[in-house]
Full PDB file with SEQRES, HELIX, SHEET, SSBOND, CRYST1, ORIGX, SCALE, CONECT and MASTER records, all heavy atoms in Angstrom:
SEQRES   1 A   34  ALA CYS ASN LYS ASP ASN ILE GLU LEU ILE LYS LYS CYS          
SEQRES   2 A   34  ASN LEU LEU PHE PHE THR GLY GLY ASP GLN LEU ARG ILE          
SEQRES   3 A   34  THR SER ILE LEU GLY GLY THR PRO                              
HELIX    1 AA1 LYS A    4  LYS A   12  1                                   9    
HELIX    2 AA2 GLN A   23  LEU A   30  1                                   8    
CRYST1    1.000    1.000    1.000  90.00  90.00  90.00 P 1           1          
ORIGX1      1.000000  0.000000  0.000000        0.00000                         
ORIGX2      0.000000  1.000000  0.000000        0.00000                         
ORIGX3      0.000000  0.000000  1.000000        0.00000                         
SCALE1      1.000000  0.000000  0.000000        0.00000                         
SCALE2      0.000000  1.000000  0.000000        0.00000                         
SCALE3      0.000000  0.000000  1.000000        0.00000                         
ATOM      1  N   ALA A   1      -0.575  -6.582   9.136  1.00  0.00           N  
ATOM      2  CA  ALA A   1      -1.844  -7.016   9.734  1.00  0.00           C  
ATOM      3  C   ALA A   1      -2.002  -8.529   9.718  1.00  0.00           C  
ATOM      4  O   ALA A   1      -2.988  -9.053  10.239  1.00  0.00           O  
ATOM      5  CB  ALA A   1      -3.016  -6.359   9.001  1.00  0.00           C  
ATOM      6  N   CYS A   2      -1.047  -9.228   9.122  1.00  0.00           N  
ATOM      7  CA  CYS A   2      -1.036 -10.698   9.143  1.00  0.00           C  
ATOM      8  C   CYS A   2       0.103 -11.231   9.998  1.00  0.00           C  
ATOM      9  O   CYS A   2       0.263 -12.457  10.122  1.00  0.00           O  
ATOM     10  CB  CYS A   2      -0.917 -11.242   7.719  1.00  0.00           C  
ATOM     11  SG  CYS A   2      -2.280 -10.777   6.629  1.00  0.00           S  
ATOM     12  N   ASN A   3       0.872 -10.339  10.585  1.00  0.00           N  
ATOM     13  CA  ASN A   3       2.025 -10.729  11.384  1.00  0.00           C  
ATOM     14  C   ASN A   3       1.585 -11.405  12.685  1.00  0.00           C  
ATOM     15  O   ASN A   3       0.759 -10.860  13.433  1.00  0.00           O  
ATOM     16  CB  ASN A   3       2.865  -9.485  11.684  1.00  0.00           C  
ATOM     17  CG  ASN A   3       4.109  -9.793  12.473  1.00  0.00           C  
ATOM     18  OD1 ASN A   3       4.035 -10.045  13.677  1.00  0.00           O  
ATOM     19  ND2 ASN A   3       5.252  -9.762  11.814  1.00  0.00           N  
ATOM     20  N   LYS A   4       2.124 -12.563  12.972  1.00  0.00           N  
ATOM     21  CA  LYS A   4       1.693 -13.345  14.145  1.00  0.00           C  
ATOM     22  C   LYS A   4       1.978 -12.621  15.454  1.00  0.00           C  
ATOM     23  O   LYS A   4       1.211 -12.728  16.417  1.00  0.00           O  
ATOM     24  CB  LYS A   4       2.378 -14.718  14.127  1.00  0.00           C  
ATOM     25  CG  LYS A   4       1.873 -15.643  13.030  1.00  0.00           C  
ATOM     26  CD  LYS A   4       2.538 -17.002  13.105  1.00  0.00           C  
ATOM     27  CE  LYS A   4       2.014 -17.923  12.005  1.00  0.00           C  
ATOM     28  NZ  LYS A   4       2.667 -19.257  12.056  1.00  0.00           N  
ATOM     29  N   ASP A   5       3.089 -11.899  15.501  1.00  0.00           N  
ATOM     30  CA  ASP A   5       3.409 -11.160  16.732  1.00  0.00           C  
ATOM     31  C   ASP A   5       2.368 -10.077  17.013  1.00  0.00           C  
ATOM     32  O   ASP A   5       1.970  -9.861  18.169  1.00  0.00           O  
ATOM     33  CB  ASP A   5       4.794 -10.528  16.623  1.00  0.00           C  
ATOM     34  CG  ASP A   5       5.911 -11.557  16.622  1.00  0.00           C  
ATOM     35  OD1 ASP A   5       5.680 -12.684  17.109  1.00  0.00           O  
ATOM     36  OD2 ASP A   5       7.009 -11.240  16.110  1.00  0.00           O  
ATOM     37  N   ASN A   6       1.924  -9.397  15.958  1.00  0.00           N  
ATOM     38  CA  ASN A   6       0.889  -8.370  16.129  1.00  0.00           C  
ATOM     39  C   ASN A   6      -0.435  -8.983  16.562  1.00  0.00           C  
ATOM     40  O   ASN A   6      -1.161  -8.416  17.389  1.00  0.00           O  
ATOM     41  CB  ASN A   6       0.710  -7.593  14.823  1.00  0.00           C  
ATOM     42  CG  ASN A   6       1.858  -6.651  14.536  1.00  0.00           C  
ATOM     43  OD1 ASN A   6       2.534  -6.190  15.460  1.00  0.00           O  
ATOM     44  ND2 ASN A   6       2.104  -6.374  13.261  1.00  0.00           N  
ATOM     45  N   ILE A   7      -0.767 -10.137  15.997  1.00  0.00           N  
ATOM     46  CA  ILE A   7      -2.003 -10.831  16.372  1.00  0.00           C  
ATOM     47  C   ILE A   7      -1.957 -11.219  17.847  1.00  0.00           C  
ATOM     48  O   ILE A   7      -2.935 -11.031  18.584  1.00  0.00           O  
ATOM     49  CB  ILE A   7      -2.215 -12.079  15.483  1.00  0.00           C  
ATOM     50  CG1 ILE A   7      -2.415 -11.661  14.023  1.00  0.00           C  
ATOM     51  CG2 ILE A   7      -3.416 -12.881  15.964  1.00  0.00           C  
ATOM     52  CD1 ILE A   7      -2.282 -12.808  13.040  1.00  0.00           C  
ATOM     53  N   GLU A   8      -0.812 -11.722  18.292  1.00  0.00           N  
ATOM     54  CA  GLU A   8      -0.667 -12.112  19.690  1.00  0.00           C  
ATOM     55  C   GLU A   8      -0.765 -10.913  20.631  1.00  0.00           C  
ATOM     56  O   GLU A   8      -1.317 -11.009  21.724  1.00  0.00           O  
ATOM     57  CB  GLU A   8       0.661 -12.854  19.906  1.00  0.00           C  
ATOM     58  CG  GLU A   8       0.665 -14.265  19.391  1.00  0.00           C  
ATOM     59  CD  GLU A   8      -0.451 -15.103  20.000  1.00  0.00           C  
ATOM     60  OE1 GLU A   8      -0.561 -15.131  21.250  1.00  0.00           O  
ATOM     61  OE2 GLU A   8      -1.221 -15.706  19.234  1.00  0.00           O  
ATOM     62  N   LEU A   9      -0.225  -9.771  20.193  1.00  0.00           N  
ATOM     63  CA  LEU A   9      -0.333  -8.567  21.012  1.00  0.00           C  
ATOM     64  C   LEU A   9      -1.792  -8.211  21.262  1.00  0.00           C  
ATOM     65  O   LEU A   9      -2.173  -7.877  22.397  1.00  0.00           O  
ATOM     66  CB  LEU A   9       0.369  -7.394  20.317  1.00  0.00           C  
ATOM     67  CG  LEU A   9       1.859  -7.219  20.544  1.00  0.00           C  
ATOM     68  CD1 LEU A   9       2.399  -6.087  19.680  1.00  0.00           C  
ATOM     69  CD2 LEU A   9       2.175  -6.948  22.011  1.00  0.00           C  
ATOM     70  N   ILE A  10      -2.607  -8.270  20.217  1.00  0.00           N  
ATOM     71  CA  ILE A  10      -4.028  -7.946  20.383  1.00  0.00           C  
ATOM     72  C   ILE A  10      -4.699  -8.953  21.315  1.00  0.00           C  
ATOM     73  O   ILE A  10      -5.477  -8.582  22.195  1.00  0.00           O  
ATOM     74  CB  ILE A  10      -4.737  -7.899  19.021  1.00  0.00           C  
ATOM     75  CG1 ILE A  10      -4.336  -6.632  18.269  1.00  0.00           C  
ATOM     76  CG2 ILE A  10      -6.262  -7.928  19.200  1.00  0.00           C  
ATOM     77  CD1 ILE A  10      -5.115  -6.343  17.024  1.00  0.00           C  
ATOM     78  N   LYS A  11      -4.410 -10.228  21.129  1.00  0.00           N  
ATOM     79  CA  LYS A  11      -5.056 -11.257  21.952  1.00  0.00           C  
ATOM     80  C   LYS A  11      -4.657 -11.153  23.421  1.00  0.00           C  
ATOM     81  O   LYS A  11      -5.426 -11.539  24.313  1.00  0.00           O  
ATOM     82  CB  LYS A  11      -4.719 -12.645  21.406  1.00  0.00           C  
ATOM     83  CG  LYS A  11      -5.414 -12.948  20.087  1.00  0.00           C  
ATOM     84  CD  LYS A  11      -5.114 -14.362  19.612  1.00  0.00           C  
ATOM     85  CE  LYS A  11      -5.876 -14.683  18.340  1.00  0.00           C  
ATOM     86  NZ  LYS A  11      -5.590 -16.056  17.844  1.00  0.00           N  
ATOM     87  N   LYS A  12      -3.469 -10.614  23.680  1.00  0.00           N  
ATOM     88  CA  LYS A  12      -2.987 -10.510  25.057  1.00  0.00           C  
ATOM     89  C   LYS A  12      -3.395  -9.208  25.731  1.00  0.00           C  
ATOM     90  O   LYS A  12      -3.380  -9.114  26.963  1.00  0.00           O  
ATOM     91  CB  LYS A  12      -1.458 -10.624  25.089  1.00  0.00           C  
ATOM     92  CG  LYS A  12      -0.932 -12.012  24.785  1.00  0.00           C  
ATOM     93  CD  LYS A  12       0.596 -12.007  24.799  1.00  0.00           C  
ATOM     94  CE  LYS A  12       1.151 -13.384  24.478  1.00  0.00           C  
ATOM     95  NZ  LYS A  12       2.638 -13.364  24.429  1.00  0.00           N  
ATOM     96  N   CYS A  13      -3.747  -8.188  24.952  1.00  0.00           N  
ATOM     97  CA  CYS A  13      -3.989  -6.876  25.558  1.00  0.00           C  
ATOM     98  C   CYS A  13      -5.303  -6.861  26.341  1.00  0.00           C  
ATOM     99  O   CYS A  13      -6.241  -7.590  26.029  1.00  0.00           O  
ATOM    100  CB  CYS A  13      -3.989  -5.774  24.495  1.00  0.00           C  
ATOM    101  SG  CYS A  13      -5.507  -5.609  23.544  1.00  0.00           S  
ATOM    102  N   ASN A  14      -5.334  -6.040  27.342  1.00  0.00           N  
ATOM    103  CA  ASN A  14      -6.553  -5.836  28.131  1.00  0.00           C  
ATOM    104  C   ASN A  14      -7.311  -4.596  27.681  1.00  0.00           C  
ATOM    105  O   ASN A  14      -8.514  -4.474  27.891  1.00  0.00           O  
ATOM    106  CB  ASN A  14      -6.207  -5.712  29.611  1.00  0.00           C  
ATOM    107  CG  ASN A  14      -5.458  -6.924  30.122  1.00  0.00           C  
ATOM    108  OD1 ASN A  14      -4.225  -6.921  30.130  1.00  0.00           O  
ATOM    109  ND2 ASN A  14      -6.169  -7.960  30.507  1.00  0.00           N  
ATOM    110  N   LEU A  15      -6.593  -3.655  27.055  1.00  0.00           N  
ATOM    111  CA  LEU A  15      -7.198  -2.431  26.557  1.00  0.00           C  
ATOM    112  C   LEU A  15      -6.471  -2.033  25.270  1.00  0.00           C  
ATOM    113  O   LEU A  15      -5.246  -1.933  25.251  1.00  0.00           O  
ATOM    114  CB  LEU A  15      -7.090  -1.319  27.599  1.00  0.00           C  
ATOM    115  CG  LEU A  15      -7.935  -0.055  27.402  1.00  0.00           C  
ATOM    116  CD1 LEU A  15      -8.087   0.688  28.718  1.00  0.00           C  
ATOM    117  CD2 LEU A  15      -7.349   0.887  26.364  1.00  0.00           C  
ATOM    118  N   LEU A  16      -7.238  -1.819  24.214  1.00  0.00           N  
ATOM    119  CA  LEU A  16      -6.686  -1.386  22.929  1.00  0.00           C  
ATOM    120  C   LEU A  16      -7.118   0.050  22.681  1.00  0.00           C  
ATOM    121  O   LEU A  16      -8.310   0.368  22.748  1.00  0.00           O  
ATOM    122  CB  LEU A  16      -7.198  -2.298  21.812  1.00  0.00           C  
ATOM    123  CG  LEU A  16      -6.755  -1.960  20.380  1.00  0.00           C  
ATOM    124  CD1 LEU A  16      -5.248  -2.091  20.235  1.00  0.00           C  
ATOM    125  CD2 LEU A  16      -7.459  -2.869  19.376  1.00  0.00           C  
ATOM    126  N   PHE A  17      -6.143   0.913  22.371  1.00  0.00           N  
ATOM    127  CA  PHE A  17      -6.415   2.335  22.184  1.00  0.00           C  
ATOM    128  C   PHE A  17      -6.024   2.748  20.771  1.00  0.00           C  
ATOM    129  O   PHE A  17      -4.853   2.693  20.397  1.00  0.00           O  
ATOM    130  CB  PHE A  17      -5.641   3.167  23.204  1.00  0.00           C  
ATOM    131  CG  PHE A  17      -5.950   4.635  23.167  1.00  0.00           C  
ATOM    132  CD1 PHE A  17      -6.948   5.165  23.983  1.00  0.00           C  
ATOM    133  CD2 PHE A  17      -5.256   5.499  22.322  1.00  0.00           C  
ATOM    134  CE1 PHE A  17      -7.238   6.527  23.954  1.00  0.00           C  
ATOM    135  CE2 PHE A  17      -5.544   6.856  22.284  1.00  0.00           C  
ATOM    136  CZ  PHE A  17      -6.536   7.371  23.097  1.00  0.00           C  
ATOM    137  N   PHE A  18      -7.025   3.201  19.969  1.00  0.00           N  
ATOM    138  CA  PHE A  18      -6.776   3.703  18.620  1.00  0.00           C  
ATOM    139  C   PHE A  18      -6.525   5.212  18.674  1.00  0.00           C  
ATOM    140  O   PHE A  18      -7.368   5.966  19.147  1.00  0.00           O  
ATOM    141  CB  PHE A  18      -7.986   3.446  17.714  1.00  0.00           C  
ATOM    142  CG  PHE A  18      -8.102   2.032  17.216  1.00  0.00           C  
ATOM    143  CD1 PHE A  18      -8.993   1.149  17.805  1.00  0.00           C  
ATOM    144  CD2 PHE A  18      -7.343   1.587  16.151  1.00  0.00           C  
ATOM    145  CE1 PHE A  18      -9.123  -0.159  17.343  1.00  0.00           C  
ATOM    146  CE2 PHE A  18      -7.461   0.286  15.671  1.00  0.00           C  
ATOM    147  CZ  PHE A  18      -8.353  -0.587  16.272  1.00  0.00           C  
ATOM    148  N   THR A  19      -5.387   5.644  18.129  1.00  0.00           N  
ATOM    149  CA  THR A  19      -5.115   7.072  18.048  1.00  0.00           C  
ATOM    150  C   THR A  19      -5.864   7.685  16.864  1.00  0.00           C  
ATOM    151  O   THR A  19      -6.496   6.981  16.077  1.00  0.00           O  
ATOM    152  CB  THR A  19      -3.607   7.331  17.867  1.00  0.00           C  
ATOM    153  OG1 THR A  19      -3.205   6.870  16.566  1.00  0.00           O  
ATOM    154  CG2 THR A  19      -2.797   6.614  18.930  1.00  0.00           C  
ATOM    155  N   GLY A  20      -5.761   9.006  16.720  1.00  0.00           N  
ATOM    156  CA  GLY A  20      -6.402   9.695  15.614  1.00  0.00           C  
ATOM    157  C   GLY A  20      -5.577   9.636  14.337  1.00  0.00           C  
ATOM    158  O   GLY A  20      -4.467   9.098  14.310  1.00  0.00           O  
ATOM    159  N   GLY A  21      -6.146  10.220  13.279  1.00  0.00           N  
ATOM    160  CA  GLY A  21      -5.491  10.214  11.976  1.00  0.00           C  
ATOM    161  C   GLY A  21      -6.529  10.145  10.873  1.00  0.00           C  
ATOM    162  O   GLY A  21      -7.427  10.986  10.805  1.00  0.00           O  
ATOM    163  N   ASP A  22      -6.449   9.129  10.048  1.00  0.00           N  
ATOM    164  CA  ASP A  22      -7.367   8.916   8.928  1.00  0.00           C  
ATOM    165  C   ASP A  22      -8.053   7.571   9.112  1.00  0.00           C  
ATOM    166  O   ASP A  22      -7.397   6.531   9.076  1.00  0.00           O  
ATOM    167  CB  ASP A  22      -6.573   8.945   7.614  1.00  0.00           C  
ATOM    168  CG  ASP A  22      -7.440   8.724   6.384  1.00  0.00           C  
ATOM    169  OD1 ASP A  22      -8.637   8.400   6.524  1.00  0.00           O  
ATOM    170  OD2 ASP A  22      -6.917   8.847   5.262  1.00  0.00           O  
ATOM    171  N   GLN A  23      -9.375   7.597   9.301  1.00  0.00           N  
ATOM    172  CA  GLN A  23     -10.090   6.350   9.580  1.00  0.00           C  
ATOM    173  C   GLN A  23     -10.033   5.356   8.425  1.00  0.00           C  
ATOM    174  O   GLN A  23     -10.105   4.142   8.631  1.00  0.00           O  
ATOM    175  CB  GLN A  23     -11.541   6.619   9.993  1.00  0.00           C  
ATOM    176  CG  GLN A  23     -12.355   7.488   9.066  1.00  0.00           C  
ATOM    177  CD  GLN A  23     -12.384   8.925   9.543  1.00  0.00           C  
ATOM    178  OE1 GLN A  23     -11.354   9.479   9.910  1.00  0.00           O  
ATOM    179  NE2 GLN A  23     -13.552   9.547   9.534  1.00  0.00           N  
ATOM    180  N   LEU A  24      -9.883   5.843   7.200  1.00  0.00           N  
ATOM    181  CA  LEU A  24      -9.772   4.925   6.064  1.00  0.00           C  
ATOM    182  C   LEU A  24      -8.470   4.131   6.097  1.00  0.00           C  
ATOM    183  O   LEU A  24      -8.406   3.023   5.563  1.00  0.00           O  
ATOM    184  CB  LEU A  24      -9.875   5.690   4.740  1.00  0.00           C  
ATOM    185  CG  LEU A  24     -11.275   5.796   4.123  1.00  0.00           C  
ATOM    186  CD1 LEU A  24     -11.218   6.580   2.825  1.00  0.00           C  
ATOM    187  CD2 LEU A  24     -11.899   4.426   3.886  1.00  0.00           C  
ATOM    188  N   ARG A  25      -7.436   4.674   6.709  1.00  0.00           N  
ATOM    189  CA  ARG A  25      -6.204   3.894   6.878  1.00  0.00           C  
ATOM    190  C   ARG A  25      -6.470   2.669   7.748  1.00  0.00           C  
ATOM    191  O   ARG A  25      -5.967   1.571   7.467  1.00  0.00           O  
ATOM    192  CB  ARG A  25      -5.109   4.756   7.518  1.00  0.00           C  
ATOM    193  CG  ARG A  25      -4.420   5.705   6.560  1.00  0.00           C  
ATOM    194  CD  ARG A  25      -3.328   6.504   7.273  1.00  0.00           C  
ATOM    195  NE  ARG A  25      -2.341   5.646   7.905  1.00  0.00           N  
ATOM    196  CZ  ARG A  25      -1.274   5.142   7.283  1.00  0.00           C  
ATOM    197  NH1 ARG A  25      -1.069   5.406   6.014  1.00  0.00           N  
ATOM    198  NH2 ARG A  25      -0.412   4.383   7.932  1.00  0.00           N  
ATOM    199  N   ILE A  26      -7.287   2.840   8.789  1.00  0.00           N  
ATOM    200  CA  ILE A  26      -7.572   1.715   9.684  1.00  0.00           C  
ATOM    201  C   ILE A  26      -8.327   0.615   8.944  1.00  0.00           C  
ATOM    202  O   ILE A  26      -7.926  -0.560   8.955  1.00  0.00           O  
ATOM    203  CB  ILE A  26      -8.377   2.181  10.910  1.00  0.00           C  
ATOM    204  CG1 ILE A  26      -7.582   3.214  11.714  1.00  0.00           C  
ATOM    205  CG2 ILE A  26      -8.736   0.988  11.799  1.00  0.00           C  
ATOM    206  CD1 ILE A  26      -8.347   3.819  12.876  1.00  0.00           C  
ATOM    207  N   THR A  27      -9.424   0.972   8.288  1.00  0.00           N  
ATOM    208  CA  THR A  27     -10.255  -0.057   7.644  1.00  0.00           C  
ATOM    209  C   THR A  27      -9.572  -0.668   6.429  1.00  0.00           C  
ATOM    210  O   THR A  27      -9.670  -1.874   6.197  1.00  0.00           O  
ATOM    211  CB  THR A  27     -11.614   0.522   7.234  1.00  0.00           C  
ATOM    212  OG1 THR A  27     -11.415   1.682   6.398  1.00  0.00           O  
ATOM    213  CG2 THR A  27     -12.417   0.917   8.460  1.00  0.00           C  
ATOM    214  N   SER A  28      -8.872   0.141   5.637  1.00  0.00           N  
ATOM    215  CA  SER A  28      -8.251  -0.400   4.423  1.00  0.00           C  
ATOM    216  C   SER A  28      -7.066  -1.308   4.741  1.00  0.00           C  
ATOM    217  O   SER A  28      -6.764  -2.232   3.983  1.00  0.00           O  
ATOM    218  CB  SER A  28      -7.797   0.741   3.498  1.00  0.00           C  
ATOM    219  OG  SER A  28      -6.803   1.536   4.120  1.00  0.00           O  
ATOM    220  N   ILE A  29      -6.396  -1.070   5.868  1.00  0.00           N  
ATOM    221  CA  ILE A  29      -5.271  -1.926   6.257  1.00  0.00           C  
ATOM    222  C   ILE A  29      -5.743  -3.164   7.007  1.00  0.00           C  
ATOM    223  O   ILE A  29      -5.240  -4.272   6.784  1.00  0.00           O  
ATOM    224  CB  ILE A  29      -4.262  -1.122   7.107  1.00  0.00           C  
ATOM    225  CG1 ILE A  29      -3.567  -0.070   6.235  1.00  0.00           C  
ATOM    226  CG2 ILE A  29      -3.226  -2.036   7.750  1.00  0.00           C  
ATOM    227  CD1 ILE A  29      -2.676   0.885   7.007  1.00  0.00           C  
ATOM    228  N   LEU A  30      -6.747  -3.018   7.883  1.00  0.00           N  
ATOM    229  CA  LEU A  30      -7.157  -4.136   8.740  1.00  0.00           C  
ATOM    230  C   LEU A  30      -8.244  -5.025   8.137  1.00  0.00           C  
ATOM    231  O   LEU A  30      -8.336  -6.208   8.480  1.00  0.00           O  
ATOM    232  CB  LEU A  30      -7.653  -3.616  10.090  1.00  0.00           C  
ATOM    233  CG  LEU A  30      -6.675  -2.854  10.970  1.00  0.00           C  
ATOM    234  CD1 LEU A  30      -7.285  -2.643  12.346  1.00  0.00           C  
ATOM    235  CD2 LEU A  30      -5.338  -3.581  11.073  1.00  0.00           C  
ATOM    236  N   GLY A  31      -9.068  -4.482   7.263  1.00  0.00           N  
ATOM    237  CA  GLY A  31     -10.224  -5.230   6.773  1.00  0.00           C  
ATOM    238  C   GLY A  31      -9.851  -6.565   6.150  1.00  0.00           C  
ATOM    239  O   GLY A  31      -8.972  -6.636   5.285  1.00  0.00           O  
ATOM    240  N   GLY A  32     -10.508  -7.646   6.587  1.00  0.00           N  
ATOM    241  CA  GLY A  32     -10.289  -8.964   6.009  1.00  0.00           C  
ATOM    242  C   GLY A  32      -9.000  -9.643   6.429  1.00  0.00           C  
ATOM    243  O   GLY A  32      -8.621 -10.671   5.855  1.00  0.00           O  
ATOM    244  N   THR A  33      -8.323  -9.122   7.449  1.00  0.00           N  
ATOM    245  CA  THR A  33      -7.047  -9.696   7.897  1.00  0.00           C  
ATOM    246  C   THR A  33      -7.219 -10.422   9.232  1.00  0.00           C  
ATOM    247  O   THR A  33      -8.217 -10.236   9.937  1.00  0.00           O  
ATOM    248  CB  THR A  33      -5.987  -8.592   8.081  1.00  0.00           C  
ATOM    249  OG1 THR A  33      -6.372  -7.763   9.198  1.00  0.00           O  
ATOM    250  CG2 THR A  33      -5.852  -7.745   6.823  1.00  0.00           C  
ATOM    251  N   PRO A  34      -6.234 -11.247   9.611  1.00  0.00           N  
ATOM    252  CA  PRO A  34      -6.289 -11.899  10.927  1.00  0.00           C  
ATOM    253  C   PRO A  34      -6.329 -10.902  12.093  1.00  0.00           C  
ATOM    254  O   PRO A  34      -6.903 -11.194  13.140  1.00  0.00           O  
ATOM    255  CB  PRO A  34      -5.005 -12.731  10.963  1.00  0.00           C  
ATOM    256  CG  PRO A  34      -4.689 -13.004   9.538  1.00  0.00           C  
ATOM    257  CD  PRO A  34      -5.118 -11.765   8.799  1.00  0.00           C  
TER     258      PRO A  34                                                      
MASTER        0    0    0    2    0    0    0    6  257    1    0    3          
END                                                                             
């Protein structure tokens, strides 16, 4: 979640799609990161 390539992917995308799974994985991995 701090990887520059991943950050650039988000900044370049026109549509971001989150798949299903466990919502706590999303917040615990992404929270407070670039």
